[in-house]
Amino acid sequence: LDVKRDPLCLIQISTGNSDAHIIQLDRESYIAPNLNKVLSDESVTKIFHYGRADIAHIKYYLKTDTKNILDTKIASKLARSYSDSHSLKTLIKEFINIDVSKQFQSSDFGGELSPAQLKYCANDVVYLHKIHEELNKILVREKRINLYNDCLKFLKTRVDLDLALFKDDIWAH
């Protein structure tokens, strides 16, 4: 998705208790003060899978900085060096032992959502807490937790670089 071309349509939230709240945004104004308050609240942990894209969309459309972020894709890449597959579908299968359908991953989320789309949206967030917990155990065991935390600190800067259209690796020669 391109942040300036593809609008932010919805946000999914789960507290980790098998619940999912699907918030469809007002795309005319993107005024969402309660959501912005939660996203910018340091005391509330937000778990993403590939937060780089989500956080860029949130910052661009909702004009807020998301604070206290964890990211299962970053954690997976550091913890699961035995695998080249770090998709959410793969992590759900490995740690939750459920095969989730990604059939609706590329569907239209800008209109009325079907029950199947709502289920897809819920599956995208309800397992993140457990997956992160399991990945965290591996990160600690493999002594990569500090590296993970440093990556999380850099995530805001990476998002800012993306929004400034610096897509290439700034560290590359």
Protein backbone atom coordinates (compact mmCIF):
# COMPACT_ATOMS: atom_id res chain seq x y z
CA LEU A 1 0.00 0.00 0.00
CA ASP A 2 1.10 3.52 -0.76
CA VAL A 3 0.33 5.83 2.16
CA LYS A 4 -0.50 8.84 -0.04
CA ARG A 5 -2.56 6.87 -2.57
CA ASP A 6 -4.28 4.23 -0.45
CA PRO A 7 -6.43 5.70 2.33
CA LEU A 8 -6.56 4.44 5.90
CA CYS A 9 -9.98 2.79 6.07
CA LEU A 10 -10.05 1.00 9.40
CA ILE A 11 -8.13 0.09 12.51
CA GLN A 12 -8.43 -3.19 14.37
CA ILE A 13 -7.84 -3.36 18.11
CA SER A 14 -7.69 -6.33 20.47
CA THR A 15 -6.94 -6.42 24.18
CA GLY A 16 -5.60 -9.96 23.85
CA ASN A 17 -8.73 -11.60 25.25
CA SER A 18 -9.98 -12.97 21.90
CA ASP A 19 -11.86 -9.73 21.31
CA ALA A 20 -11.58 -7.56 18.23
CA HIS A 21 -12.85 -4.05 17.72
CA ILE A 22 -13.02 -2.90 14.11
CA ILE A 23 -13.06 0.89 13.77
CA GLN A 24 -14.07 2.28 10.40
CA LEU A 25 -12.72 5.79 10.06
CA ASP A 26 -14.46 8.88 8.73
CA ARG A 27 -12.39 9.31 5.59
CA GLU A 28 -13.67 12.84 4.99
CA SER A 29 -12.15 14.27 8.17
CA TYR A 30 -10.14 11.54 9.90
CA ILE A 31 -11.15 13.13 13.18
CA ALA A 32 -10.86 10.42 15.84
CA PRO A 33 -9.87 12.03 19.16
CA ASN A 34 -10.52 8.95 21.31
CA LEU A 35 -8.53 6.71 18.99
CA ASN A 36 -5.71 9.27 18.82
CA LYS A 37 -5.65 9.40 22.61
CA VAL A 38 -5.18 5.61 22.83
CA LEU A 39 -2.57 5.52 20.06
CA SER A 40 -0.47 8.26 21.64
CA ASP A 41 -0.83 6.94 25.21
CA GLU A 42 2.54 5.62 26.45
CA SER A 43 0.82 3.45 29.07
CA VAL A 44 -1.06 1.42 26.44
CA THR A 45 1.00 -1.13 24.53
CA LYS A 46 0.18 -1.45 20.84
CA ILE A 47 1.19 -4.65 19.03
CA PHE A 48 1.50 -4.54 15.25
CA HIS A 49 2.53 -6.99 12.57
CA TYR A 50 4.64 -4.93 10.18
CA GLY A 51 3.95 -1.76 12.10
CA ARG A 52 6.07 0.24 9.68
CA ALA A 53 3.21 0.44 7.16
CA ASP A 54 0.40 0.79 9.71
CA ILE A 55 2.15 3.49 11.72
CA ALA A 56 2.92 5.46 8.56
CA HIS A 57 -0.76 5.40 7.57
CA ILE A 58 -1.82 6.36 11.10
CA LYS A 59 0.64 9.25 11.26
CA TYR A 60 -0.27 10.51 7.78
CA TYR A 61 -4.06 10.32 8.16
CA LEU A 62 -4.71 10.71 11.89
CA LYS A 63 -1.82 13.14 12.46
CA THR A 64 -0.68 11.37 15.61
CA ASP A 65 2.44 9.55 16.75
CA THR A 66 1.78 6.02 17.93
CA LYS A 67 3.63 5.33 21.19
CA ASN A 68 4.68 2.16 23.03
CA ILE A 69 4.87 -0.13 20.01
CA LEU A 70 5.70 -3.81 19.71
CA ASP A 71 6.02 -5.52 16.33
CA THR A 72 5.64 -9.24 15.67
CA LYS A 73 7.26 -9.07 12.22
CA ILE A 74 10.43 -7.47 13.58
CA ALA A 75 10.40 -9.90 16.50
CA SER A 76 9.94 -12.83 14.13
CA LYS A 77 12.82 -11.81 11.88
CA LEU A 78 15.14 -11.59 14.88
CA ALA A 79 13.83 -14.59 16.82
CA ARG A 80 13.06 -17.02 14.01
CA SER A 81 16.32 -16.90 12.07
CA TYR A 82 15.58 -20.53 11.16
CA SER A 83 12.84 -19.34 8.77
CA ASP A 84 12.48 -17.06 5.77
CA SER A 85 8.72 -16.78 6.29
CA HIS A 86 7.58 -14.10 8.70
CA SER A 87 4.01 -13.53 7.53
CA LEU A 88 1.27 -13.26 10.11
CA LYS A 89 -0.36 -16.35 8.60
CA THR A 90 2.86 -18.32 9.20
CA LEU A 91 3.18 -17.06 12.78
CA ILE A 92 -0.45 -17.89 13.58
CA LYS A 93 0.11 -21.42 12.26
CA GLU A 94 3.37 -21.91 14.16
CA PHE A 95 2.38 -20.45 17.53
CA ILE A 96 -1.42 -20.83 17.63
CA ASN A 97 -1.73 -23.89 15.35
CA ILE A 98 -4.56 -22.38 13.32
CA ASP A 99 -4.67 -21.96 9.55
CA VAL A 100 -6.24 -18.59 8.84
CA SER A 101 -7.49 -17.58 5.43
CA LYS A 102 -5.90 -14.55 3.80
CA GLN A 103 -8.53 -14.57 1.04
CA PHE A 104 -9.75 -11.08 1.95
CA GLN A 105 -6.32 -9.50 2.44
CA SER A 106 -6.66 -7.55 -0.81
CA SER A 107 -10.35 -6.75 -0.69
CA ASP A 108 -12.15 -3.39 -0.52
CA PHE A 109 -12.23 -2.22 3.10
CA GLY A 110 -13.58 1.23 2.22
CA GLY A 111 -17.25 0.29 2.16
CA GLU A 112 -19.65 -1.86 4.14
CA LEU A 113 -17.73 -4.86 5.47
CA SER A 114 -19.01 -8.38 4.93
CA PRO A 115 -19.01 -10.92 7.78
CA ALA A 116 -16.06 -12.65 6.09
CA GLN A 117 -14.10 -9.38 5.95
CA LEU A 118 -14.87 -8.71 9.61
CA LYS A 119 -13.61 -12.18 10.49
CA TYR A 120 -10.45 -11.54 8.48
CA CYS A 121 -9.93 -8.22 10.31
CA ALA A 122 -10.41 -9.90 13.68
CA ASN A 123 -7.94 -12.67 12.82
CA ASP A 124 -5.39 -10.00 11.99
CA VAL A 125 -5.25 -8.86 15.64
CA VAL A 126 -6.65 -11.43 18.08
CA TYR A 127 -3.53 -13.62 18.01
CA LEU A 128 -0.89 -10.88 18.20
CA HIS A 129 -0.54 -10.90 22.01
CA LYS A 130 0.14 -14.65 22.19
CA ILE A 131 2.45 -14.57 19.18
CA HIS A 132 4.44 -11.70 20.66
CA GLU A 133 4.67 -13.50 23.99
CA GLU A 134 6.11 -16.61 22.29
CA LEU A 135 8.51 -14.62 20.12
CA ASN A 136 9.66 -12.68 23.19
CA LYS A 137 10.61 -15.96 24.90
CA ILE A 138 12.82 -16.84 21.93
CA LEU A 139 14.35 -13.35 21.82
CA VAL A 140 15.27 -13.62 25.50
CA ARG A 141 16.60 -17.17 25.13
CA GLU A 142 18.72 -16.24 22.09
CA LYS A 143 19.91 -13.02 23.75
CA ARG A 144 18.40 -10.86 21.01
CA ILE A 145 15.90 -8.93 23.14
CA ASN A 146 18.10 -5.81 23.30
CA LEU A 147 18.50 -5.85 19.54
CA TYR A 148 14.72 -6.11 19.20
CA ASN A 149 14.19 -3.18 21.56
CA ASP A 150 16.69 -1.10 19.59
CA CYS A 151 14.82 -1.90 16.37
CA LEU A 152 11.59 -0.73 17.98
CA LYS A 153 13.25 2.56 18.96
CA PHE A 154 14.28 3.08 15.32
CA LEU A 155 10.82 2.27 13.94
CA LYS A 156 9.53 5.84 14.37
CA THR A 157 12.54 7.16 12.44
CA ARG A 158 12.03 4.53 9.70
CA VAL A 159 8.39 5.63 9.37
CA ASP A 160 9.44 9.28 9.18
CA LEU A 161 11.94 8.37 6.44
CA ASP A 162 9.21 6.52 4.54
CA LEU A 163 6.86 9.50 4.80
CA ALA A 164 9.68 11.76 3.56
CA LEU A 165 9.97 9.38 0.56
CA PHE A 166 13.38 7.94 1.53
CA LYS A 167 12.46 4.38 0.54
CA ASP A 168 16.00 3.04 0.09
CA ASP A 169 18.17 1.71 2.89
CA ILE A 170 19.92 4.83 4.16
CA TRP A 171 22.78 2.65 5.44
CA ALA A 172 23.51 1.13 2.01
CA HIS A 173 26.75 2.14 0.28
